[in-house]
């Protein structure tokens, strides 16, 4: 069984929302820019509350921002 990860589409969504910067998103959801960087790189899984705040910032359902699945190449 492979390793499961929480992934996201934050970088793409920022670009598609008037090229929102990491800092702008961080300010909108109440975290640091470094937190957004870590999320985009997949180094950090957000709390449920933060995940909802990010989804609300993009005005999208949670499952259109985040996904849970098996990491490719892991066995």
C-alpha atoms as a PDB file:
ATOM      1  CA  UNK A   1       0.000   0.000   0.000  1.00  0.00           C
ATOM      2  CA  UNK A   2       1.398   3.397  -0.989  1.00  0.00           C
ATOM      3  CA  UNK A   3       1.737   6.453   1.156  1.00  0.00           C
ATOM      4  CA  UNK A   4      -1.313   8.729   1.139  1.00  0.00           C
ATOM      5  CA  UNK A   5      -0.882  12.471   1.006  1.00  0.00           C
ATOM      6  CA  UNK A   6      -2.990  15.597   1.230  1.00  0.00           C
ATOM      7  CA  UNK A   7      -2.339  17.549  -1.955  1.00  0.00           C
ATOM      8  CA  UNK A   8      -3.629  20.857  -3.184  1.00  0.00           C
ATOM      9  CA  UNK A   9      -4.081  23.118  -6.174  1.00  0.00           C
ATOM     10  CA  UNK A  10      -3.223  26.338  -4.342  1.00  0.00           C
ATOM     11  CA  UNK A  11      -0.462  27.521  -6.677  1.00  0.00           C
ATOM     12  CA  UNK A  12      -2.652  27.079  -9.772  1.00  0.00           C
ATOM     13  CA  UNK A  13      -5.631  28.696  -8.057  1.00  0.00           C
ATOM     14  CA  UNK A  14      -3.561  31.716  -7.025  1.00  0.00           C
ATOM     15  CA  UNK A  15      -2.429  32.174 -10.614  1.00  0.00           C
ATOM     16  CA  UNK A  16      -6.010  31.886 -11.874  1.00  0.00           C
ATOM     17  CA  UNK A  17      -7.217  34.473  -9.327  1.00  0.00           C
ATOM     18  CA  UNK A  18      -5.521  37.533 -10.812  1.00  0.00           C
ATOM     19  CA  UNK A  19      -2.077  36.103 -10.041  1.00  0.00           C
ATOM     20  CA  UNK A  20      -2.625  36.424  -6.295  1.00  0.00           C
ATOM     21  CA  UNK A  21       0.657  36.423  -4.417  1.00  0.00           C
ATOM     22  CA  UNK A  22       1.465  34.021  -1.614  1.00  0.00           C
ATOM     23  CA  UNK A  23       1.458  37.006   0.754  1.00  0.00           C
ATOM     24  CA  UNK A  24      -1.996  38.131  -0.389  1.00  0.00           C
ATOM     25  CA  UNK A  25      -3.427  34.661   0.231  1.00  0.00           C
ATOM     26  CA  UNK A  26      -1.641  34.422   3.574  1.00  0.00           C
ATOM     27  CA  UNK A  27      -3.116  37.754   4.658  1.00  0.00           C
ATOM     28  CA  UNK A  28      -6.578  36.684   3.528  1.00  0.00           C
ATOM     29  CA  UNK A  29      -6.549  33.450   5.550  1.00  0.00           C
ATOM     30  CA  UNK A  30      -4.534  34.648   8.560  1.00  0.00           C
ATOM     31  CA  UNK A  31      -1.262  32.749   8.221  1.00  0.00           C
ATOM     32  CA  UNK A  32       2.317  33.592   7.232  1.00  0.00           C
ATOM     33  CA  UNK A  33       3.608  33.506   3.685  1.00  0.00           C
ATOM     34  CA  UNK A  34       5.914  30.667   4.780  1.00  0.00           C
ATOM     35  CA  UNK A  35       2.845  28.578   5.634  1.00  0.00           C
ATOM     36  CA  UNK A  36       1.518  29.060   2.091  1.00  0.00           C
ATOM     37  CA  UNK A  37       4.942  28.134   0.680  1.00  0.00           C
ATOM     38  CA  UNK A  38       4.991  24.937   2.779  1.00  0.00           C
ATOM     39  CA  UNK A  39       1.447  24.043   1.673  1.00  0.00           C
ATOM     40  CA  UNK A  40       2.254  24.544  -2.005  1.00  0.00           C
ATOM     41  CA  UNK A  41       5.396  22.414  -1.727  1.00  0.00           C
ATOM     42  CA  UNK A  42       3.454  19.650   0.012  1.00  0.00           C
ATOM     43  CA  UNK A  43       5.581  19.948   3.166  1.00  0.00           C
ATOM     44  CA  UNK A  44       2.614  20.779   5.372  1.00  0.00           C
ATOM     45  CA  UNK A  45      -0.949  19.521   5.682  1.00  0.00           C
ATOM     46  CA  UNK A  46      -3.307  22.232   6.896  1.00  0.00           C
ATOM     47  CA  UNK A  47      -5.690  22.005   9.797  1.00  0.00           C
ATOM     48  CA  UNK A  48      -9.283  21.481   8.790  1.00  0.00           C
ATOM     49  CA  UNK A  49     -10.066  25.075   9.748  1.00  0.00           C
ATOM     50  CA  UNK A  50      -7.247  26.466   7.583  1.00  0.00           C
ATOM     51  CA  UNK A  51      -8.252  24.248   4.671  1.00  0.00           C
ATOM     52  CA  UNK A  52     -11.788  25.671   4.835  1.00  0.00           C
ATOM     53  CA  UNK A  53     -10.486  29.250   5.073  1.00  0.00           C
ATOM     54  CA  UNK A  54      -8.331  28.721   1.977  1.00  0.00           C
ATOM     55  CA  UNK A  55     -11.228  27.189   0.052  1.00  0.00           C
ATOM     56  CA  UNK A  56     -13.429  30.137   1.062  1.00  0.00           C
ATOM     57  CA  UNK A  57     -10.743  32.589  -0.088  1.00  0.00           C
ATOM     58  CA  UNK A  58     -11.041  31.069  -3.567  1.00  0.00           C
ATOM     59  CA  UNK A  59     -14.845  30.716  -3.253  1.00  0.00           C
ATOM     60  CA  UNK A  60     -14.560  27.016  -4.057  1.00  0.00           C
ATOM     61  CA  UNK A  61     -15.642  23.792  -2.343  1.00  0.00           C
ATOM     62  CA  UNK A  62     -12.925  22.214  -0.215  1.00  0.00           C
ATOM     63  CA  UNK A  63     -12.506  19.259  -2.598  1.00  0.00           C
ATOM     64  CA  UNK A  64     -11.640  21.591  -5.494  1.00  0.00           C
ATOM     65  CA  UNK A  65      -8.698  23.003  -3.545  1.00  0.00           C
ATOM     66  CA  UNK A  66      -7.471  19.927  -1.647  1.00  0.00           C
ATOM     67  CA  UNK A  67      -7.324  16.238  -2.467  1.00  0.00           C
ATOM     68  CA  UNK A  68      -6.317  13.083  -0.651  1.00  0.00           C
ATOM     69  CA  UNK A  69      -4.664  10.352  -2.607  1.00  0.00           C
ATOM     70  CA  UNK A  70      -1.845   7.920  -3.017  1.00  0.00           C
ATOM     71  CA  UNK A  71       1.547   9.452  -3.685  1.00  0.00           C
ATOM     72  CA  UNK A  72       2.920   8.435  -7.058  1.00  0.00           C
ATOM     73  CA  UNK A  73       5.972   6.170  -7.066  1.00  0.00           C
ATOM     74  CA  UNK A  74       5.441   4.936  -3.515  1.00  0.00           C
ATOM     75  CA  UNK A  75       4.790   1.241  -2.872  1.00  0.00           C
END
